[in-house]
Full PDB file with SEQRES, HELIX, SHEET, SSBOND, CRYST1, ORIGX, SCALE, CONECT and MASTER records, all heavy atoms in Angstrom:
SEQRES   1 A   43  VAL GLU SER LEU THR VAL GLU VAL GLY PRO ARG LEU ALA          
SEQRES   2 A   43  GLY SER ALA GLN ASP LEU VAL ALA VAL LYS TRP ALA GLU          
SEQRES   3 A   43  ASP LYS LEU ASN SER LEU GLY PHE ASP LYS VAL TYR LYS          
SEQRES   4 A   43  GLU PRO VAL LYS                                              
HELIX    1 AA1 GLU A    2  GLU A    7  1                                   6    
HELIX    2 AA2 ALA A   16  SER A   31  1                                  16    
CRYST1    1.000    1.000    1.000  90.00  90.00  90.00 P 1           1          
ORIGX1      1.000000  0.000000  0.000000        0.00000                         
ORIGX2      0.000000  1.000000  0.000000        0.00000                         
ORIGX3      0.000000  0.000000  1.000000        0.00000                         
SCALE1      1.000000  0.000000  0.000000        0.00000                         
SCALE2      0.000000  1.000000  0.000000        0.00000                         
SCALE3      0.000000  0.000000  1.000000        0.00000                         
ATOM      1  N   VAL A   1      -4.918   8.265  -1.189  1.00  0.00           N  
ATOM      2  CA  VAL A   1      -4.825   9.305  -2.220  1.00  0.00           C  
ATOM      3  C   VAL A   1      -5.044  10.680  -1.614  1.00  0.00           C  
ATOM      4  O   VAL A   1      -4.408  11.655  -2.067  1.00  0.00           O  
ATOM      5  CB  VAL A   1      -5.767   9.014  -3.428  1.00  0.00           C  
ATOM      6  CG1 VAL A   1      -7.210   9.193  -3.056  1.00  0.00           C  
ATOM      7  CG2 VAL A   1      -5.395   9.873  -4.596  1.00  0.00           C  
ATOM      8  N   GLU A   2      -5.880  10.788  -0.623  1.00  0.00           N  
ATOM      9  CA  GLU A   2      -6.010  12.058   0.063  1.00  0.00           C  
ATOM     10  C   GLU A   2      -4.698  12.468   0.709  1.00  0.00           C  
ATOM     11  O   GLU A   2      -4.246  13.605   0.612  1.00  0.00           O  
ATOM     12  CB  GLU A   2      -7.130  12.003   1.129  1.00  0.00           C  
ATOM     13  CG  GLU A   2      -7.294  13.275   1.902  1.00  0.00           C  
ATOM     14  CD  GLU A   2      -8.270  13.133   3.027  1.00  0.00           C  
ATOM     15  OE1 GLU A   2      -9.490  12.951   2.796  1.00  0.00           O  
ATOM     16  OE2 GLU A   2      -7.847  13.216   4.252  1.00  0.00           O  
ATOM     17  N   SER A   3      -4.042  11.516   1.359  1.00  0.00           N  
ATOM     18  CA  SER A   3      -2.783  11.786   2.014  1.00  0.00           C  
ATOM     19  C   SER A   3      -1.730  12.231   0.997  1.00  0.00           C  
ATOM     20  O   SER A   3      -1.022  13.240   1.216  1.00  0.00           O  
ATOM     21  CB  SER A   3      -2.276  10.530   2.724  1.00  0.00           C  
ATOM     22  OG  SER A   3      -0.967  10.705   3.197  1.00  0.00           O  
ATOM     23  N   LEU A   4      -1.681  11.574  -0.185  1.00  0.00           N  
ATOM     24  CA  LEU A   4      -0.673  11.920  -1.153  1.00  0.00           C  
ATOM     25  C   LEU A   4      -0.912  13.308  -1.737  1.00  0.00           C  
ATOM     26  O   LEU A   4      -0.001  14.125  -1.929  1.00  0.00           O  
ATOM     27  CB  LEU A   4      -0.687  10.872  -2.288  1.00  0.00           C  
ATOM     28  CG  LEU A   4       0.319  11.077  -3.473  1.00  0.00           C  
ATOM     29  CD1 LEU A   4       1.717  11.198  -2.966  1.00  0.00           C  
ATOM     30  CD2 LEU A   4       0.152   9.924  -4.420  1.00  0.00           C  
ATOM     31  N   THR A   5      -2.162  13.633  -2.068  1.00  0.00           N  
ATOM     32  CA  THR A   5      -2.470  14.880  -2.701  1.00  0.00           C  
ATOM     33  C   THR A   5      -2.367  16.057  -1.735  1.00  0.00           C  
ATOM     34  O   THR A   5      -1.978  17.162  -2.093  1.00  0.00           O  
ATOM     35  CB  THR A   5      -3.852  14.886  -3.382  1.00  0.00           C  
ATOM     36  OG1 THR A   5      -4.857  14.584  -2.383  1.00  0.00           O  
ATOM     37  CG2 THR A   5      -3.926  13.897  -4.462  1.00  0.00           C  
ATOM     38  N   VAL A   6      -2.674  15.853  -0.475  1.00  0.00           N  
ATOM     39  CA  VAL A   6      -2.644  16.900   0.515  1.00  0.00           C  
ATOM     40  C   VAL A   6      -1.238  17.140   1.089  1.00  0.00           C  
ATOM     41  O   VAL A   6      -0.741  18.237   1.196  1.00  0.00           O  
ATOM     42  CB  VAL A   6      -3.638  16.614   1.684  1.00  0.00           C  
ATOM     43  CG1 VAL A   6      -3.438  17.616   2.849  1.00  0.00           C  
ATOM     44  CG2 VAL A   6      -5.090  16.650   1.187  1.00  0.00           C  
ATOM     45  N   GLU A   7      -0.543  16.024   1.431  1.00  0.00           N  
ATOM     46  CA  GLU A   7       0.737  16.107   2.089  1.00  0.00           C  
ATOM     47  C   GLU A   7       1.912  16.266   1.127  1.00  0.00           C  
ATOM     48  O   GLU A   7       2.981  16.720   1.555  1.00  0.00           O  
ATOM     49  CB  GLU A   7       0.910  14.888   2.974  1.00  0.00           C  
ATOM     50  CG  GLU A   7      -0.102  14.800   4.091  1.00  0.00           C  
ATOM     51  CD  GLU A   7      -0.219  13.377   4.674  1.00  0.00           C  
ATOM     52  OE1 GLU A   7       0.832  12.652   4.654  1.00  0.00           O  
ATOM     53  OE2 GLU A   7      -1.321  12.986   5.140  1.00  0.00           O  
ATOM     54  N   VAL A   8       1.739  15.871  -0.117  1.00  0.00           N  
ATOM     55  CA  VAL A   8       2.800  15.995  -1.127  1.00  0.00           C  
ATOM     56  C   VAL A   8       2.351  16.891  -2.247  1.00  0.00           C  
ATOM     57  O   VAL A   8       3.005  17.895  -2.609  1.00  0.00           O  
ATOM     58  CB  VAL A   8       3.197  14.600  -1.687  1.00  0.00           C  
ATOM     59  CG1 VAL A   8       4.349  14.820  -2.665  1.00  0.00           C  
ATOM     60  CG2 VAL A   8       3.647  13.680  -0.577  1.00  0.00           C  
ATOM     61  N   GLY A   9       1.249  16.587  -2.924  1.00  0.00           N  
ATOM     62  CA  GLY A   9       0.774  17.434  -4.015  1.00  0.00           C  
ATOM     63  C   GLY A   9       1.541  17.144  -5.291  1.00  0.00           C  
ATOM     64  O   GLY A   9       1.997  16.008  -5.547  1.00  0.00           O  
ATOM     65  N   PRO A  10       1.726  18.173  -6.150  1.00  0.00           N  
ATOM     66  CA  PRO A  10       2.411  18.000  -7.420  1.00  0.00           C  
ATOM     67  C   PRO A  10       3.802  17.435  -7.173  1.00  0.00           C  
ATOM     68  O   PRO A  10       4.510  17.861  -6.277  1.00  0.00           O  
ATOM     69  CB  PRO A  10       2.455  19.390  -8.017  1.00  0.00           C  
ATOM     70  CG  PRO A  10       1.407  20.185  -7.289  1.00  0.00           C  
ATOM     71  CD  PRO A  10       1.306  19.581  -5.933  1.00  0.00           C  
ATOM     72  N   ARG A  11       4.239  16.500  -8.063  1.00  0.00           N  
ATOM     73  CA  ARG A  11       5.523  15.793  -7.838  1.00  0.00           C  
ATOM     74  C   ARG A  11       6.166  15.463  -9.151  1.00  0.00           C  
ATOM     75  O   ARG A  11       6.272  14.310  -9.555  1.00  0.00           O  
ATOM     76  CB  ARG A  11       5.294  14.567  -6.930  1.00  0.00           C  
ATOM     77  CG  ARG A  11       4.065  13.778  -7.333  1.00  0.00           C  
ATOM     78  CD  ARG A  11       3.529  12.876  -6.282  1.00  0.00           C  
ATOM     79  NE  ARG A  11       2.411  12.097  -6.800  1.00  0.00           N  
ATOM     80  CZ  ARG A  11       1.138  12.548  -6.862  1.00  0.00           C  
ATOM     81  NH1 ARG A  11       0.851  13.736  -6.347  1.00  0.00           N  
ATOM     82  NH2 ARG A  11       0.181  11.802  -7.363  1.00  0.00           N  
ATOM     83  N   LEU A  12       6.561  16.497  -9.839  1.00  0.00           N  
ATOM     84  CA  LEU A  12       7.195  16.334 -11.133  1.00  0.00           C  
ATOM     85  C   LEU A  12       8.534  15.616 -10.935  1.00  0.00           C  
ATOM     86  O   LEU A  12       9.314  15.942 -10.050  1.00  0.00           O  
ATOM     87  CB  LEU A  12       7.453  17.737 -11.743  1.00  0.00           C  
ATOM     88  CG  LEU A  12       8.013  17.721 -13.192  1.00  0.00           C  
ATOM     89  CD1 LEU A  12       7.049  17.119 -14.194  1.00  0.00           C  
ATOM     90  CD2 LEU A  12       8.371  19.154 -13.605  1.00  0.00           C  
ATOM     91  N   ALA A  13       8.807  14.642 -11.798  1.00  0.00           N  
ATOM     92  CA  ALA A  13      10.046  13.869 -11.697  1.00  0.00           C  
ATOM     93  C   ALA A  13      11.243  14.816 -11.675  1.00  0.00           C  
ATOM     94  O   ALA A  13      11.386  15.722 -12.450  1.00  0.00           O  
ATOM     95  CB  ALA A  13      10.152  12.918 -12.857  1.00  0.00           C  
ATOM     96  N   GLY A  14      12.163  14.530 -10.740  1.00  0.00           N  
ATOM     97  CA  GLY A  14      13.390  15.343 -10.644  1.00  0.00           C  
ATOM     98  C   GLY A  14      13.272  16.604  -9.777  1.00  0.00           C  
ATOM     99  O   GLY A  14      14.257  17.270  -9.542  1.00  0.00           O  
ATOM    100  N   SER A  15      12.036  16.918  -9.352  1.00  0.00           N  
ATOM    101  CA  SER A  15      11.832  18.078  -8.548  1.00  0.00           C  
ATOM    102  C   SER A  15      12.024  17.769  -7.032  1.00  0.00           C  
ATOM    103  O   SER A  15      12.118  16.620  -6.655  1.00  0.00           O  
ATOM    104  CB  SER A  15      10.370  18.657  -8.703  1.00  0.00           C  
ATOM    105  OG  SER A  15       9.451  17.750  -8.170  1.00  0.00           O  
ATOM    106  N   ALA A  16      12.067  18.809  -6.219  1.00  0.00           N  
ATOM    107  CA  ALA A  16      12.163  18.607  -4.781  1.00  0.00           C  
ATOM    108  C   ALA A  16      11.000  17.829  -4.281  1.00  0.00           C  
ATOM    109  O   ALA A  16      11.141  16.945  -3.396  1.00  0.00           O  
ATOM    110  CB  ALA A  16      12.266  19.949  -4.077  1.00  0.00           C  
ATOM    111  N   GLN A  17       9.777  18.074  -4.789  1.00  0.00           N  
ATOM    112  CA  GLN A  17       8.590  17.368  -4.296  1.00  0.00           C  
ATOM    113  C   GLN A  17       8.601  15.911  -4.729  1.00  0.00           C  
ATOM    114  O   GLN A  17       7.928  15.077  -4.077  1.00  0.00           O  
ATOM    115  CB  GLN A  17       7.327  18.057  -4.829  1.00  0.00           C  
ATOM    116  CG  GLN A  17       6.972  19.344  -4.102  1.00  0.00           C  
ATOM    117  CD  GLN A  17       6.814  19.103  -2.589  1.00  0.00           C  
ATOM    118  OE1 GLN A  17       7.646  19.526  -1.808  1.00  0.00           O  
ATOM    119  NE2 GLN A  17       5.704  18.479  -2.182  1.00  0.00           N  
ATOM    120  N   ASP A  18       9.304  15.588  -5.736  1.00  0.00           N  
ATOM    121  CA  ASP A  18       9.411  14.184  -6.176  1.00  0.00           C  
ATOM    122  C   ASP A  18      10.070  13.380  -4.991  1.00  0.00           C  
ATOM    123  O   ASP A  18       9.624  12.245  -4.701  1.00  0.00           O  
ATOM    124  CB  ASP A  18      10.258  14.097  -7.449  1.00  0.00           C  
ATOM    125  CG  ASP A  18      10.421  12.694  -7.965  1.00  0.00           C  
ATOM    126  OD1 ASP A  18       9.532  11.860  -7.753  1.00  0.00           O  
ATOM    127  OD2 ASP A  18      11.452  12.416  -8.625  1.00  0.00           O  
ATOM    128  N   LEU A  19      11.105  13.900  -4.400  1.00  0.00           N  
ATOM    129  CA  LEU A  19      11.771  13.211  -3.302  1.00  0.00           C  
ATOM    130  C   LEU A  19      10.933  13.205  -2.103  1.00  0.00           C  
ATOM    131  O   LEU A  19      10.966  12.270  -1.281  1.00  0.00           O  
ATOM    132  CB  LEU A  19      13.135  13.842  -3.035  1.00  0.00           C  
ATOM    133  CG  LEU A  19      14.186  13.721  -4.170  1.00  0.00           C  
ATOM    134  CD1 LEU A  19      15.471  14.333  -3.725  1.00  0.00           C  
ATOM    135  CD2 LEU A  19      14.401  12.260  -4.544  1.00  0.00           C  
ATOM    136  N   VAL A  20      10.108  14.219  -1.863  1.00  0.00           N  
ATOM    137  CA  VAL A  20       9.115  14.218  -0.776  1.00  0.00           C  
ATOM    138  C   VAL A  20       8.139  13.066  -1.020  1.00  0.00           C  
ATOM    139  O   VAL A  20       7.802  12.342  -0.034  1.00  0.00           O  
ATOM    140  CB  VAL A  20       8.364  15.548  -0.703  1.00  0.00           C  
ATOM    141  CG1 VAL A  20       7.251  15.482   0.324  1.00  0.00           C  
ATOM    142  CG2 VAL A  20       9.301  16.675  -0.328  1.00  0.00           C  
ATOM    143  N   ALA A  21       7.737  12.888  -2.232  1.00  0.00           N  
ATOM    144  CA  ALA A  21       6.807  11.772  -2.547  1.00  0.00           C  
ATOM    145  C   ALA A  21       7.479  10.405  -2.304  1.00  0.00           C  
ATOM    146  O   ALA A  21       6.810   9.457  -1.788  1.00  0.00           O  
ATOM    147  CB  ALA A  21       6.353  11.884  -4.022  1.00  0.00           C  
ATOM    148  N   VAL A  22       8.758  10.266  -2.656  1.00  0.00           N  
ATOM    149  CA  VAL A  22       9.448   9.008  -2.373  1.00  0.00           C  
ATOM    150  C   VAL A  22       9.472   8.739  -0.906  1.00  0.00           C  
ATOM    151  O   VAL A  22       9.176   7.546  -0.481  1.00  0.00           O  
ATOM    152  CB  VAL A  22      10.868   9.092  -2.955  1.00  0.00           C  
ATOM    153  CG1 VAL A  22      11.728   7.926  -2.450  1.00  0.00           C  
ATOM    154  CG2 VAL A  22      10.858   9.116  -4.480  1.00  0.00           C  
ATOM    155  N   LYS A  23       9.782   9.681  -0.078  1.00  0.00           N  
ATOM    156  CA  LYS A  23       9.797   9.463   1.380  1.00  0.00           C  
ATOM    157  C   LYS A  23       8.362   9.148   1.877  1.00  0.00           C  
ATOM    158  O   LYS A  23       8.213   8.271   2.729  1.00  0.00           O  
ATOM    159  CB  LYS A  23      10.290  10.756   2.081  1.00  0.00           C  
ATOM    160  CG  LYS A  23      10.351  10.668   3.606  1.00  0.00           C  
ATOM    161  CD  LYS A  23      11.299   9.595   4.121  1.00  0.00           C  
ATOM    162  CE  LYS A  23      11.662   9.754   5.568  1.00  0.00           C  
ATOM    163  NZ  LYS A  23      10.462   9.724   6.458  1.00  0.00           N  
ATOM    164  N   TRP A  24       7.399   9.866   1.327  1.00  0.00           N  
ATOM    165  CA  TRP A  24       5.972   9.590   1.714  1.00  0.00           C  
ATOM    166  C   TRP A  24       5.644   8.124   1.428  1.00  0.00           C  
ATOM    167  O   TRP A  24       5.015   7.453   2.203  1.00  0.00           O  
ATOM    168  CB  TRP A  24       5.090  10.543   0.954  1.00  0.00           C  
ATOM    169  CG  TRP A  24       3.596  10.231   1.116  1.00  0.00           C  
ATOM    170  CD1 TRP A  24       2.732  10.746   2.047  1.00  0.00           C  
ATOM    171  CD2 TRP A  24       2.799   9.290   0.331  1.00  0.00           C  
ATOM    172  NE1 TRP A  24       1.504  10.177   1.892  1.00  0.00           N  
ATOM    173  CE2 TRP A  24       1.537   9.317   0.852  1.00  0.00           C  
ATOM    174  CE3 TRP A  24       3.123   8.476  -0.782  1.00  0.00           C  
ATOM    175  CZ2 TRP A  24       0.481   8.541   0.307  1.00  0.00           C  
ATOM    176  CZ3 TRP A  24       2.091   7.710  -1.327  1.00  0.00           C  
ATOM    177  CH2 TRP A  24       0.807   7.731  -0.755  1.00  0.00           C  
ATOM    178  N   ALA A  25       6.026   7.665   0.199  1.00  0.00           N  
ATOM    179  CA  ALA A  25       5.702   6.288  -0.201  1.00  0.00           C  
ATOM    180  C   ALA A  25       6.376   5.222   0.711  1.00  0.00           C  
ATOM    181  O   ALA A  25       5.754   4.260   1.097  1.00  0.00           O  
ATOM    182  CB  ALA A  25       6.089   6.108  -1.651  1.00  0.00           C  
ATOM    183  N   GLU A  26       7.666   5.452   1.019  1.00  0.00           N  
ATOM    184  CA  GLU A  26       8.340   4.530   1.936  1.00  0.00           C  
ATOM    185  C   GLU A  26       7.638   4.431   3.271  1.00  0.00           C  
ATOM    186  O   GLU A  26       7.367   3.390   3.806  1.00  0.00           O  
ATOM    187  CB  GLU A  26       9.791   4.979   2.122  1.00  0.00           C  
ATOM    188  CG  GLU A  26      10.708   4.807   0.964  1.00  0.00           C  
ATOM    189  CD  GLU A  26      12.069   5.272   1.310  1.00  0.00           C  
ATOM    190  OE1 GLU A  26      12.369   6.490   1.345  1.00  0.00           O  
ATOM    191  OE2 GLU A  26      12.957   4.382   1.560  1.00  0.00           O  
ATOM    192  N   ASP A  27       7.314   5.638   3.803  1.00  0.00           N  
ATOM    193  CA  ASP A  27       6.659   5.669   5.101  1.00  0.00           C  
ATOM    194  C   ASP A  27       5.274   4.999   5.091  1.00  0.00           C  
ATOM    195  O   ASP A  27       4.843   4.285   5.979  1.00  0.00           O  
ATOM    196  CB  ASP A  27       6.511   7.136   5.601  1.00  0.00           C  
ATOM    197  CG  ASP A  27       7.806   7.764   5.967  1.00  0.00           C  
ATOM    198  OD1 ASP A  27       8.828   7.024   6.092  1.00  0.00           O  
ATOM    199  OD2 ASP A  27       7.841   8.971   6.083  1.00  0.00           O  
ATOM    200  N   LYS A  28       4.547   5.225   4.001  1.00  0.00           N  
ATOM    201  CA  LYS A  28       3.194   4.707   3.858  1.00  0.00           C  
ATOM    202  C   LYS A  28       3.226   3.141   3.750  1.00  0.00           C  
ATOM    203  O   LYS A  28       2.451   2.457   4.458  1.00  0.00           O  
ATOM    204  CB  LYS A  28       2.483   5.293   2.646  1.00  0.00           C  
ATOM    205  CG  LYS A  28       1.017   4.949   2.511  1.00  0.00           C  
ATOM    206  CD  LYS A  28       0.208   5.489   3.657  1.00  0.00           C  
ATOM    207  CE  LYS A  28       0.112   7.022   3.649  1.00  0.00           C  
ATOM    208  NZ  LYS A  28      -0.759   7.525   4.722  1.00  0.00           N  
ATOM    209  N   LEU A  29       4.142   2.656   2.925  1.00  0.00           N  
ATOM    210  CA  LEU A  29       4.232   1.188   2.780  1.00  0.00           C  
ATOM    211  C   LEU A  29       4.648   0.517   4.091  1.00  0.00           C  
ATOM    212  O   LEU A  29       4.134  -0.533   4.481  1.00  0.00           O  
ATOM    213  CB  LEU A  29       5.185   0.791   1.651  1.00  0.00           C  
ATOM    214  CG  LEU A  29       4.734   1.238   0.243  1.00  0.00           C  
ATOM    215  CD1 LEU A  29       5.853   0.955  -0.774  1.00  0.00           C  
ATOM    216  CD2 LEU A  29       3.485   0.483  -0.183  1.00  0.00           C  
ATOM    217  N   ASN A  30       5.606   1.136   4.798  1.00  0.00           N  
ATOM    218  CA  ASN A  30       6.002   0.624   6.092  1.00  0.00           C  
ATOM    219  C   ASN A  30       4.889   0.601   7.093  1.00  0.00           C  
ATOM    220  O   ASN A  30       4.719  -0.335   7.880  1.00  0.00           O  
ATOM    221  CB  ASN A  30       7.182   1.406   6.637  1.00  0.00           C  
ATOM    222  CG  ASN A  30       8.540   0.957   6.015  1.00  0.00           C  
ATOM    223  OD1 ASN A  30       8.834  -0.257   6.019  1.00  0.00           O  
ATOM    224  ND2 ASN A  30       9.357   1.871   5.543  1.00  0.00           N  
ATOM    225  N   SER A  31       4.108   1.720   7.094  1.00  0.00           N  
ATOM    226  CA  SER A  31       2.988   1.796   8.059  1.00  0.00           C  
ATOM    227  C   SER A  31       1.890   0.810   7.801  1.00  0.00           C  
ATOM    228  O   SER A  31       1.098   0.514   8.726  1.00  0.00           O  
ATOM    229  CB  SER A  31       2.444   3.218   8.093  1.00  0.00           C  
ATOM    230  OG  SER A  31       1.641   3.461   6.884  1.00  0.00           O  
ATOM    231  N   LEU A  32       1.829   0.320   6.559  1.00  0.00           N  
ATOM    232  CA  LEU A  32       0.720  -0.604   6.214  1.00  0.00           C  
ATOM    233  C   LEU A  32       1.094  -2.055   6.245  1.00  0.00           C  
ATOM    234  O   LEU A  32       0.351  -2.912   5.813  1.00  0.00           O  
ATOM    235  CB  LEU A  32       0.225  -0.236   4.813  1.00  0.00           C  
ATOM    236  CG  LEU A  32      -0.514   1.128   4.693  1.00  0.00           C  
ATOM    237  CD1 LEU A  32      -0.798   1.488   3.280  1.00  0.00           C  
ATOM    238  CD2 LEU A  32      -1.834   1.042   5.495  1.00  0.00           C  
ATOM    239  N   GLY A  33       2.227  -2.403   6.842  1.00  0.00           N  
ATOM    240  CA  GLY A  33       2.520  -3.750   7.175  1.00  0.00           C  
ATOM    241  C   GLY A  33       3.126  -4.602   6.068  1.00  0.00           C  
ATOM    242  O   GLY A  33       3.084  -5.830   6.155  1.00  0.00           O  
ATOM    243  N   PHE A  34       3.730  -3.968   5.064  1.00  0.00           N  
ATOM    244  CA  PHE A  34       4.425  -4.758   4.052  1.00  0.00           C  
ATOM    245  C   PHE A  34       5.651  -5.436   4.686  1.00  0.00           C  
ATOM    246  O   PHE A  34       6.321  -4.885   5.579  1.00  0.00           O  
ATOM    247  CB  PHE A  34       4.801  -3.881   2.883  1.00  0.00           C  
ATOM    248  CG  PHE A  34       3.685  -3.557   1.982  1.00  0.00           C  
ATOM    249  CD1 PHE A  34       2.821  -2.487   2.278  1.00  0.00           C  
ATOM    250  CD2 PHE A  34       3.471  -4.260   0.801  1.00  0.00           C  
ATOM    251  CE1 PHE A  34       1.735  -2.195   1.455  1.00  0.00           C  
ATOM    252  CE2 PHE A  34       2.389  -3.945  -0.066  1.00  0.00           C  
ATOM    253  CZ  PHE A  34       1.509  -2.915   0.331  1.00  0.00           C  
ATOM    254  N   ASP A  35       5.934  -6.652   4.247  1.00  0.00           N  
ATOM    255  CA  ASP A  35       7.033  -7.421   4.808  1.00  0.00           C  
ATOM    256  C   ASP A  35       8.396  -6.784   4.452  1.00  0.00           C  
ATOM    257  O   ASP A  35       9.331  -6.917   5.234  1.00  0.00           O  
ATOM    258  CB  ASP A  35       6.990  -8.856   4.280  1.00  0.00           C  
ATOM    259  CG  ASP A  35       5.763  -9.600   4.666  1.00  0.00           C  
ATOM    260  OD1 ASP A  35       5.266  -9.358   5.765  1.00  0.00           O  
ATOM    261  OD2 ASP A  35       5.222 -10.345   3.859  1.00  0.00           O  
ATOM    262  N   LYS A  36       8.503  -6.168   3.315  1.00  0.00           N  
ATOM    263  CA  LYS A  36       9.766  -5.579   2.840  1.00  0.00           C  
ATOM    264  C   LYS A  36       9.456  -4.319   2.045  1.00  0.00           C  
ATOM    265  O   LYS A  36       8.611  -4.347   1.186  1.00  0.00           O  
ATOM    266  CB  LYS A  36      10.530  -6.574   2.007  1.00  0.00           C  
ATOM    267  CG  LYS A  36      11.894  -6.174   1.526  1.00  0.00           C  
ATOM    268  CD  LYS A  36      12.522  -7.280   0.701  1.00  0.00           C  
ATOM    269  CE  LYS A  36      13.913  -6.886   0.193  1.00  0.00           C  
ATOM    270  NZ  LYS A  36      14.504  -7.925  -0.672  1.00  0.00           N  
ATOM    271  N   VAL A  37      10.141  -3.234   2.412  1.00  0.00           N  
ATOM    272  CA  VAL A  37       9.953  -1.970   1.698  1.00  0.00           C  
ATOM    273  C   VAL A  37      11.373  -1.455   1.348  1.00  0.00           C  
ATOM    274  O   VAL A  37      12.254  -1.424   2.166  1.00  0.00           O  
ATOM    275  CB  VAL A  37       9.269  -0.896   2.554  1.00  0.00           C  
ATOM    276  CG1 VAL A  37       9.194   0.428   1.837  1.00  0.00           C  
ATOM    277  CG2 VAL A  37       7.862  -1.440   2.945  1.00  0.00           C  
ATOM    278  N   TYR A  38      11.559  -1.110   0.110  1.00  0.00           N  
ATOM    279  CA  TYR A  38      12.902  -0.607  -0.358  1.00  0.00           C  
ATOM    280  C   TYR A  38      12.695   0.285  -1.582  1.00  0.00           C  
ATOM    281  O   TYR A  38      11.591   0.387  -2.176  1.00  0.00           O  
ATOM    282  CB  TYR A  38      13.834  -1.760  -0.646  1.00  0.00           C  
ATOM    283  CG  TYR A  38      13.302  -2.767  -1.681  1.00  0.00           C  
ATOM    284  CD1 TYR A  38      13.793  -2.817  -2.964  1.00  0.00           C  
ATOM    285  CD2 TYR A  38      12.398  -3.756  -1.294  1.00  0.00           C  
ATOM    286  CE1 TYR A  38      13.346  -3.723  -3.896  1.00  0.00           C  
ATOM    287  CE2 TYR A  38      11.940  -4.733  -2.200  1.00  0.00           C  
ATOM    288  CZ  TYR A  38      12.399  -4.700  -3.500  1.00  0.00           C  
ATOM    289  OH  TYR A  38      11.968  -5.624  -4.424  1.00  0.00           O  
ATOM    290  N   LYS A  39      13.748   0.975  -1.953  1.00  0.00           N  
ATOM    291  CA  LYS A  39      13.719   1.827  -3.129  1.00  0.00           C  
ATOM    292  C   LYS A  39      14.904   1.549  -4.035  1.00  0.00           C  
ATOM    293  O   LYS A  39      15.958   1.105  -3.550  1.00  0.00           O  
ATOM    294  CB  LYS A  39      13.619   3.284  -2.735  1.00  0.00           C  
ATOM    295  CG  LYS A  39      14.860   3.782  -1.964  1.00  0.00           C  
ATOM    296  CD  LYS A  39      14.673   5.221  -1.477  1.00  0.00           C  
ATOM    297  CE  LYS A  39      15.892   5.724  -0.746  1.00  0.00           C  
ATOM    298  NZ  LYS A  39      15.705   7.132  -0.212  1.00  0.00           N  
ATOM    299  N   GLU A  40      14.739   1.802  -5.325  1.00  0.00           N  
ATOM    300  CA  GLU A  40      15.804   1.572  -6.257  1.00  0.00           C  
ATOM    301  C   GLU A  40      16.011   2.886  -7.104  1.00  0.00           C  
ATOM    302  O   GLU A  40      15.055   3.500  -7.577  1.00  0.00           O  
ATOM    303  CB  GLU A  40      15.438   0.442  -7.245  1.00  0.00           C  
ATOM    304  CG  GLU A  40      15.278  -0.847  -6.517  1.00  0.00           C  
ATOM    305  CD  GLU A  40      14.862  -2.045  -7.407  1.00  0.00           C  
ATOM    306  OE1 GLU A  40      14.310  -1.774  -8.476  1.00  0.00           O  
ATOM    307  OE2 GLU A  40      15.079  -3.181  -7.004  1.00  0.00           O  
ATOM    308  N   PRO A  41      17.271   3.332  -7.207  1.00  0.00           N  
ATOM    309  CA  PRO A  41      17.536   4.611  -7.886  1.00  0.00           C  
ATOM    310  C   PRO A  41      17.228   4.610  -9.372  1.00  0.00           C  
ATOM    311  O   PRO A  41      17.368   3.571 -10.064  1.00  0.00           O  
ATOM    312  CB  PRO A  41      19.013   4.850  -7.631  1.00  0.00           C  
ATOM    313  CG  PRO A  41      19.576   3.483  -7.439  1.00  0.00           C  
ATOM    314  CD  PRO A  41      18.508   2.680  -6.769  1.00  0.00           C  
ATOM    315  N   VAL A  42      16.736   5.754  -9.816  1.00  0.00           N  
ATOM    316  CA  VAL A  42      16.389   5.938 -11.237  1.00  0.00           C  
ATOM    317  C   VAL A  42      16.917   7.280 -11.682  1.00  0.00           C  
ATOM    318  O   VAL A  42      16.656   8.286 -11.032  1.00  0.00           O  
ATOM    319  CB  VAL A  42      14.886   5.882 -11.467  1.00  0.00           C  
ATOM    320  CG1 VAL A  42      14.548   6.104 -12.943  1.00  0.00           C  
ATOM    321  CG2 VAL A  42      14.290   4.536 -10.967  1.00  0.00           C  
ATOM    322  N   LYS A  43      17.737   7.341 -12.751  1.00  0.00           N  
ATOM    323  CA  LYS A  43      18.238   8.582 -13.246  1.00  0.00           C  
ATOM    324  C   LYS A  43      17.152   9.253 -14.101  1.00  0.00           C  
ATOM    325  O   LYS A  43      16.640   8.613 -15.071  1.00  0.00           O  
ATOM    326  CB  LYS A  43      19.509   8.363 -14.093  1.00  0.00           C  
ATOM    327  CG  LYS A  43      20.149   9.602 -14.597  1.00  0.00           C  
ATOM    328  CD  LYS A  43      21.374   9.279 -15.425  1.00  0.00           C  
ATOM    329  CE  LYS A  43      22.057  10.520 -15.970  1.00  0.00           C  
ATOM    330  NZ  LYS A  43      23.283  10.183 -16.803  1.00  0.00           N  
TER     331      LYS A  43                                                      
MASTER        0    0    0    2    0    0    0    6  330    1    0    4          
END                                                                             
């Protein structure tokens, strides 16, 4: 949570920071050894 609040911060849906958060989440899950990491689009 420190990483998310410091490296991303506010992340209102549909904003530029929202996509920064998505990339942060993918990287974090991959770094923590999950067997499969993926994303699904949401309008």
